[in-house]
């Protein structure tokens, strides 16, 4: 597959995996907005993407996103989850700002959707070549 698209598909797949992980962290932050002492968690997307792409070196790793799918969950290497502080730390020590988390969730969902569209676009070019190649 990497011969068809170079490293593009690998990078897009890795970016989608990281966006999925970020989504889980953000929703966990939202779910714990009222938990005393809870520290908001996040990943540094750009840093982690660079690290993952360098580790994979062009290999594509299948990811299991549904129990009936083939592949392995945990295709990402060791992603560093950080505690993110907030300017509005609660009296109970909770660092989740629900408004900021909703904005992060929306931004992350938009970026994930964009990555999915880019992958779809790449494969549509391949389908065109396959369909038109025999004419």
N, C-alpha and C. Protein backbone atom coordinates (compact mmCIF):
# COMPACT_ATOMS: atom_id res chain seq x y z
N UNK A 1 0.82 -1.19 0.00
CA UNK A 1 0.00 0.00 0.00
C UNK A 1 0.86 1.25 0.00
N UNK A 2 1.97 1.23 0.75
CA UNK A 2 2.81 2.41 0.81
C UNK A 2 3.44 2.72 -0.55
N UNK A 3 3.53 1.71 -1.44
CA UNK A 3 4.06 1.95 -2.77
C UNK A 3 3.10 2.79 -3.61
N UNK A 4 1.81 2.68 -3.33
CA UNK A 4 0.82 3.45 -4.08
C UNK A 4 0.78 4.91 -3.67
N UNK A 5 0.88 5.19 -2.38
CA UNK A 5 0.70 6.53 -1.87
C UNK A 5 1.91 7.10 -1.14
N UNK A 6 2.99 6.38 -1.09
CA UNK A 6 4.13 6.84 -0.31
C UNK A 6 3.78 6.73 1.17
N UNK A 7 4.18 7.71 1.93
CA UNK A 7 3.91 7.69 3.37
C UNK A 7 2.60 8.39 3.73
N UNK A 8 1.90 8.90 2.74
CA UNK A 8 0.70 9.70 3.01
C UNK A 8 -0.35 8.93 3.80
N UNK A 9 -0.68 7.73 3.37
CA UNK A 9 -1.71 6.95 4.05
C UNK A 9 -1.28 6.63 5.48
N UNK A 10 -0.02 6.29 5.66
CA UNK A 10 0.49 5.98 7.00
C UNK A 10 0.35 7.19 7.92
N UNK A 11 0.71 8.35 7.42
CA UNK A 11 0.62 9.57 8.22
C UNK A 11 -0.84 9.89 8.54
N UNK A 12 -1.71 9.76 7.54
CA UNK A 12 -3.13 10.04 7.77
C UNK A 12 -3.72 9.05 8.77
N UNK A 13 -3.36 7.77 8.64
CA UNK A 13 -3.86 6.77 9.59
C UNK A 13 -3.38 7.08 11.00
N UNK A 14 -2.11 7.41 11.13
CA UNK A 14 -1.56 7.73 12.45
C UNK A 14 -2.24 8.95 13.04
N UNK A 15 -2.46 9.96 12.21
CA UNK A 15 -3.14 11.17 12.67
C UNK A 15 -4.56 10.86 13.13
N UNK A 16 -5.26 9.98 12.41
CA UNK A 16 -6.61 9.61 12.82
C UNK A 16 -6.59 8.83 14.13
N UNK A 17 -5.61 7.94 14.29
CA UNK A 17 -5.48 7.20 15.55
C UNK A 17 -5.26 8.16 16.73
N UNK A 18 -4.40 9.14 16.52
CA UNK A 18 -4.13 10.12 17.59
C UNK A 18 -5.35 10.99 17.87
N UNK A 19 -6.07 11.37 16.83
CA UNK A 19 -7.30 12.16 17.03
C UNK A 19 -8.34 11.34 17.80
N UNK A 20 -8.40 10.05 17.51
CA UNK A 20 -9.33 9.17 18.24
C UNK A 20 -8.94 9.12 19.72
N UNK A 21 -7.65 8.98 19.97
CA UNK A 21 -7.17 8.94 21.36
C UNK A 21 -7.46 10.27 22.06
N UNK A 22 -7.23 11.37 21.37
CA UNK A 22 -7.50 12.70 21.93
C UNK A 22 -8.99 12.84 22.24
N UNK A 23 -9.84 12.32 21.36
CA UNK A 23 -11.29 12.36 21.59
C UNK A 23 -11.66 11.65 22.89
N UNK A 24 -11.07 10.46 23.09
CA UNK A 24 -11.34 9.71 24.32
C UNK A 24 -10.89 10.49 25.56
N UNK A 25 -9.75 11.16 25.48
CA UNK A 25 -9.26 11.95 26.62
C UNK A 25 -10.19 13.13 26.90
N UNK A 26 -10.61 13.82 25.85
CA UNK A 26 -11.49 14.98 26.02
C UNK A 26 -12.82 14.55 26.63
N UNK A 27 -13.40 13.47 26.12
CA UNK A 27 -14.68 13.02 26.67
C UNK A 27 -14.52 12.54 28.11
N UNK A 28 -13.37 11.99 28.44
CA UNK A 28 -13.10 11.61 29.83
C UNK A 28 -13.01 12.86 30.71
N UNK A 29 -12.38 13.91 30.18
CA UNK A 29 -12.30 15.17 30.93
C UNK A 29 -13.70 15.71 31.20
N UNK A 30 -14.54 15.68 30.16
CA UNK A 30 -15.91 16.19 30.31
C UNK A 30 -16.68 15.36 31.33
N UNK A 31 -16.52 14.05 31.27
CA UNK A 31 -17.22 13.16 32.21
C UNK A 31 -16.77 13.39 33.65
N UNK A 32 -15.54 13.86 33.83
CA UNK A 32 -15.00 14.08 35.17
C UNK A 32 -14.97 15.54 35.58
N UNK A 33 -15.77 16.36 34.92
CA UNK A 33 -15.77 17.80 35.20
C UNK A 33 -16.16 18.12 36.64
N UNK A 34 -16.90 17.24 37.29
CA UNK A 34 -17.34 17.47 38.66
C UNK A 34 -16.60 16.60 39.68
N UNK A 35 -15.58 15.88 39.22
CA UNK A 35 -14.83 14.99 40.11
C UNK A 35 -13.77 15.78 40.86
N UNK A 36 -13.85 15.83 42.19
CA UNK A 36 -12.85 16.58 42.95
C UNK A 36 -11.43 16.05 42.72
N UNK A 37 -10.52 16.97 42.46
CA UNK A 37 -9.11 16.62 42.29
C UNK A 37 -8.73 16.08 40.92
N UNK A 38 -9.71 15.93 40.03
CA UNK A 38 -9.40 15.39 38.70
C UNK A 38 -8.58 16.41 37.90
N UNK A 39 -7.53 15.92 37.25
CA UNK A 39 -6.67 16.76 36.41
C UNK A 39 -6.98 16.46 34.95
N UNK A 40 -7.29 17.50 34.18
CA UNK A 40 -7.59 17.34 32.76
C UNK A 40 -6.39 16.73 32.05
N UNK A 41 -6.66 15.80 31.14
CA UNK A 41 -5.61 15.11 30.41
C UNK A 41 -5.66 15.45 28.93
N UNK A 42 -4.51 15.35 28.28
CA UNK A 42 -4.42 15.70 26.87
C UNK A 42 -3.18 15.04 26.28
N UNK A 43 -3.04 15.14 24.96
CA UNK A 43 -1.80 14.76 24.29
C UNK A 43 -1.36 15.94 23.45
N UNK A 44 -0.07 16.03 23.22
CA UNK A 44 0.47 17.06 22.30
C UNK A 44 0.46 16.44 20.92
N UNK A 45 -0.57 16.76 20.15
CA UNK A 45 -0.83 16.09 18.89
C UNK A 45 0.37 16.12 17.95
N UNK A 46 0.93 17.29 17.69
CA UNK A 46 2.02 17.41 16.72
C UNK A 46 3.26 16.62 17.16
N UNK A 47 3.58 16.68 18.44
CA UNK A 47 4.74 15.96 18.97
C UNK A 47 4.52 14.45 18.83
N UNK A 48 3.34 13.99 19.20
CA UNK A 48 3.04 12.56 19.14
C UNK A 48 2.96 12.05 17.70
N UNK A 49 2.42 12.87 16.79
CA UNK A 49 2.35 12.47 15.38
C UNK A 49 3.76 12.27 14.81
N UNK A 50 4.63 13.22 15.09
CA UNK A 50 6.00 13.11 14.60
C UNK A 50 6.68 11.86 15.16
N UNK A 51 6.50 11.62 16.45
CA UNK A 51 7.11 10.45 17.09
C UNK A 51 6.57 9.15 16.50
N UNK A 52 5.27 9.07 16.31
CA UNK A 52 4.65 7.85 15.78
C UNK A 52 5.08 7.58 14.34
N UNK A 53 5.11 8.61 13.52
CA UNK A 53 5.51 8.43 12.12
C UNK A 53 6.95 7.95 12.04
N UNK A 54 7.82 8.51 12.87
CA UNK A 54 9.22 8.07 12.89
C UNK A 54 9.33 6.61 13.35
N UNK A 55 8.51 6.21 14.32
CA UNK A 55 8.56 4.83 14.82
C UNK A 55 8.03 3.83 13.80
N UNK A 56 6.98 4.20 13.08
CA UNK A 56 6.38 3.28 12.11
C UNK A 56 7.21 3.14 10.85
N UNK A 57 7.92 4.18 10.47
CA UNK A 57 8.79 4.18 9.29
C UNK A 57 8.09 3.58 8.06
N UNK A 58 6.89 4.09 7.79
CA UNK A 58 6.20 3.69 6.58
C UNK A 58 5.36 2.43 6.67
N UNK A 59 5.38 1.74 7.81
CA UNK A 59 4.57 0.54 7.91
C UNK A 59 3.15 0.89 8.31
N UNK A 60 2.20 0.15 7.80
CA UNK A 60 0.80 0.37 8.13
C UNK A 60 0.39 -0.70 9.14
N UNK A 61 -0.16 -0.25 10.25
CA UNK A 61 -0.58 -1.15 11.32
C UNK A 61 -2.10 -1.16 11.38
N UNK A 62 -2.74 -2.33 11.26
CA UNK A 62 -4.20 -2.37 11.34
C UNK A 62 -4.68 -2.02 12.74
N UNK A 63 -5.79 -1.32 12.81
CA UNK A 63 -6.32 -0.89 14.10
C UNK A 63 -7.72 -1.45 14.27
N UNK A 64 -7.97 -2.04 15.42
CA UNK A 64 -9.29 -2.62 15.71
C UNK A 64 -10.13 -1.56 16.40
N UNK A 65 -11.19 -1.11 15.71
CA UNK A 65 -12.07 -0.09 16.27
C UNK A 65 -13.44 -0.65 16.64
N UNK A 66 -13.67 -1.92 16.32
CA UNK A 66 -14.93 -2.58 16.60
C UNK A 66 -14.63 -4.04 16.92
N UNK A 67 -15.36 -4.66 17.84
CA UNK A 67 -15.06 -6.05 18.22
C UNK A 67 -15.05 -7.04 17.05
N UNK A 68 -15.81 -6.76 15.98
CA UNK A 68 -15.87 -7.67 14.85
C UNK A 68 -14.79 -7.40 13.80
N UNK A 69 -14.03 -6.34 13.96
CA UNK A 69 -12.96 -6.02 13.01
C UNK A 69 -11.72 -6.86 13.29
N UNK A 70 -10.92 -7.05 12.26
CA UNK A 70 -9.63 -7.69 12.44
C UNK A 70 -8.61 -6.59 12.75
N UNK A 71 -7.52 -6.95 13.39
CA UNK A 71 -6.50 -5.97 13.71
C UNK A 71 -6.32 -5.86 15.21
N UNK A 72 -5.45 -4.98 15.60
CA UNK A 72 -5.15 -4.83 17.02
C UNK A 72 -5.43 -3.41 17.48
N UNK A 73 -6.10 -3.29 18.60
CA UNK A 73 -6.20 -1.98 19.24
C UNK A 73 -4.85 -1.74 19.88
N UNK A 74 -4.44 -0.54 19.99
CA UNK A 74 -3.14 -0.26 20.55
C UNK A 74 -2.08 -0.23 19.47
N UNK A 75 -2.48 0.14 18.25
CA UNK A 75 -1.52 0.22 17.16
C UNK A 75 -0.53 1.35 17.40
N UNK A 76 -0.91 2.32 18.20
CA UNK A 76 0.00 3.41 18.53
C UNK A 76 1.05 2.91 19.51
N UNK A 77 2.22 3.47 19.39
CA UNK A 77 3.28 3.13 20.34
C UNK A 77 2.97 3.76 21.68
N UNK A 78 3.96 4.19 22.38
CA UNK A 78 3.75 4.79 23.70
C UNK A 78 3.47 6.28 23.55
N UNK A 79 2.21 6.63 23.58
CA UNK A 79 1.78 8.02 23.49
C UNK A 79 1.82 8.62 24.88
N UNK A 80 2.42 9.79 25.01
CA UNK A 80 2.55 10.45 26.31
C UNK A 80 1.30 11.27 26.60
N UNK A 81 0.58 10.87 27.63
CA UNK A 81 -0.59 11.61 28.08
C UNK A 81 -0.12 12.59 29.14
N UNK A 82 -0.49 13.85 28.98
CA UNK A 82 -0.07 14.89 29.92
C UNK A 82 -1.26 15.40 30.72
N UNK A 83 -0.97 15.97 31.87
CA UNK A 83 -2.00 16.66 32.63
C UNK A 83 -1.98 18.12 32.19
N UNK A 84 -3.15 18.58 31.77
CA UNK A 84 -3.25 19.94 31.29
C UNK A 84 -3.83 20.82 32.38
N UNK A 85 -3.13 21.86 32.70
CA UNK A 85 -3.61 22.80 33.70
C UNK A 85 -4.68 23.71 33.12
N UNK A 86 -5.30 24.47 33.96
CA UNK A 86 -6.32 25.42 33.53
C UNK A 86 -6.18 26.69 34.34
N UNK A 87 -6.50 27.80 33.72
CA UNK A 87 -6.44 29.08 34.42
C UNK A 87 -7.53 29.16 35.49
N UNK A 88 -8.55 28.34 35.34
CA UNK A 88 -9.68 28.38 36.27
C UNK A 88 -9.76 27.09 37.08
N UNK A 89 -8.73 26.82 37.87
CA UNK A 89 -8.72 25.63 38.71
C UNK A 89 -9.79 25.79 39.80
N UNK A 90 -10.58 24.73 39.97
CA UNK A 90 -11.65 24.78 40.95
C UNK A 90 -11.13 24.68 42.38
N UNK A 91 -11.98 25.03 43.33
CA UNK A 91 -11.61 24.95 44.74
C UNK A 91 -11.35 23.50 45.17
N UNK A 92 -11.93 22.56 44.44
CA UNK A 92 -11.74 21.14 44.76
C UNK A 92 -10.52 20.55 44.06
N UNK A 93 -9.74 21.39 43.35
CA UNK A 93 -8.54 20.92 42.67
C UNK A 93 -8.78 20.40 41.27
N UNK A 94 -10.01 20.43 40.80
CA UNK A 94 -10.34 19.96 39.46
C UNK A 94 -9.89 21.00 38.44
N UNK A 95 -9.20 20.56 37.37
CA UNK A 95 -8.68 21.50 36.37
C UNK A 95 -9.47 21.48 35.06
N UNK A 96 -10.64 20.84 35.05
CA UNK A 96 -11.45 20.78 33.84
C UNK A 96 -12.29 22.04 33.71
N UNK A 97 -12.14 22.72 32.57
CA UNK A 97 -13.00 23.84 32.22
C UNK A 97 -13.92 23.32 31.12
N UNK A 98 -15.18 23.12 31.45
CA UNK A 98 -16.11 22.46 30.54
C UNK A 98 -16.24 23.21 29.21
N UNK A 99 -16.22 24.55 29.24
CA UNK A 99 -16.32 25.31 27.99
C UNK A 99 -15.12 25.06 27.09
N UNK A 100 -13.93 25.04 27.67
CA UNK A 100 -12.71 24.77 26.89
C UNK A 100 -12.74 23.35 26.32
N UNK A 101 -13.24 22.42 27.09
CA UNK A 101 -13.28 21.02 26.64
C UNK A 101 -14.25 20.85 25.47
N UNK A 102 -15.38 21.54 25.52
CA UNK A 102 -16.35 21.46 24.43
C UNK A 102 -15.74 22.02 23.15
N UNK A 103 -14.99 23.11 23.26
CA UNK A 103 -14.32 23.69 22.10
C UNK A 103 -13.27 22.71 21.56
N UNK A 104 -12.50 22.11 22.45
CA UNK A 104 -11.49 21.12 22.03
C UNK A 104 -12.15 19.92 21.35
N UNK A 105 -13.27 19.47 21.89
CA UNK A 105 -13.98 18.34 21.31
C UNK A 105 -14.45 18.66 19.89
N UNK A 106 -15.01 19.83 19.72
CA UNK A 106 -15.49 20.25 18.41
C UNK A 106 -14.33 20.36 17.41
N UNK A 107 -13.23 20.98 17.84
CA UNK A 107 -12.07 21.12 16.97
C UNK A 107 -11.50 19.75 16.59
N UNK A 108 -11.40 18.87 17.56
CA UNK A 108 -10.85 17.55 17.31
C UNK A 108 -11.75 16.75 16.35
N UNK A 109 -13.05 16.84 16.52
CA UNK A 109 -13.99 16.15 15.63
C UNK A 109 -13.87 16.67 14.21
N UNK A 110 -13.71 17.98 14.07
CA UNK A 110 -13.54 18.58 12.75
C UNK A 110 -12.26 18.08 12.09
N UNK A 111 -11.17 18.03 12.85
CA UNK A 111 -9.90 17.55 12.31
C UNK A 111 -9.98 16.07 11.93
N UNK A 112 -10.65 15.26 12.74
CA UNK A 112 -10.81 13.85 12.43
C UNK A 112 -11.59 13.68 11.13
N UNK A 113 -12.67 14.44 11.00
CA UNK A 113 -13.49 14.39 9.80
C UNK A 113 -12.68 14.79 8.56
N UNK A 114 -11.85 15.81 8.70
CA UNK A 114 -11.01 16.25 7.59
C UNK A 114 -10.04 15.15 7.18
N UNK A 115 -9.44 14.48 8.16
CA UNK A 115 -8.52 13.38 7.86
C UNK A 115 -9.23 12.24 7.13
N UNK A 116 -10.44 11.93 7.56
CA UNK A 116 -11.21 10.88 6.90
C UNK A 116 -11.52 11.26 5.45
N UNK A 117 -11.82 12.52 5.21
CA UNK A 117 -12.08 12.99 3.84
C UNK A 117 -10.82 12.91 2.98
N UNK A 118 -9.67 13.21 3.57
CA UNK A 118 -8.42 13.11 2.82
C UNK A 118 -8.14 11.66 2.42
N UNK A 119 -8.36 10.73 3.33
CA UNK A 119 -8.16 9.32 3.00
C UNK A 119 -9.15 8.88 1.92
N UNK A 120 -10.39 9.30 2.05
CA UNK A 120 -11.39 8.96 1.04
C UNK A 120 -10.98 9.50 -0.32
N UNK A 121 -10.45 10.71 -0.34
CA UNK A 121 -10.00 11.33 -1.59
C UNK A 121 -8.86 10.52 -2.21
N UNK A 122 -7.91 10.08 -1.39
CA UNK A 122 -6.79 9.27 -1.88
C UNK A 122 -7.30 7.98 -2.53
N UNK A 123 -8.24 7.31 -1.86
CA UNK A 123 -8.75 6.06 -2.39
C UNK A 123 -9.66 6.28 -3.60
N UNK A 124 -10.31 7.42 -3.69
CA UNK A 124 -11.14 7.68 -4.87
C UNK A 124 -10.26 7.82 -6.11
N UNK A 125 -9.06 8.39 -5.95
CA UNK A 125 -8.12 8.45 -7.07
C UNK A 125 -7.70 7.05 -7.51
N UNK A 126 -7.48 6.18 -6.57
CA UNK A 126 -7.12 4.80 -6.88
C UNK A 126 -8.26 4.11 -7.61
N UNK A 127 -9.48 4.30 -7.14
CA UNK A 127 -10.65 3.70 -7.79
C UNK A 127 -10.80 4.21 -9.22
N UNK A 128 -10.57 5.49 -9.43
CA UNK A 128 -10.65 6.06 -10.77
C UNK A 128 -9.62 5.42 -11.68
N UNK A 129 -8.41 5.26 -11.18
CA UNK A 129 -7.36 4.62 -11.98
C UNK A 129 -7.71 3.18 -12.32
N UNK A 130 -8.31 2.48 -11.37
CA UNK A 130 -8.69 1.09 -11.61
C UNK A 130 -9.81 1.02 -12.67
N UNK A 131 -10.81 1.85 -12.52
CA UNK A 131 -11.96 1.84 -13.44
C UNK A 131 -11.57 2.30 -14.84
N UNK A 132 -10.77 3.35 -14.92
CA UNK A 132 -10.41 3.94 -16.21
C UNK A 132 -9.23 3.23 -16.86
N UNK A 133 -8.47 2.46 -16.09
CA UNK A 133 -7.27 1.80 -16.63
C UNK A 133 -7.57 0.76 -17.69
N UNK A 134 -8.72 0.14 -17.62
CA UNK A 134 -9.06 -0.90 -18.58
C UNK A 134 -9.71 -0.40 -19.84
N UNK A 135 -9.90 0.89 -19.98
CA UNK A 135 -10.59 1.44 -21.16
C UNK A 135 -9.65 1.73 -22.28
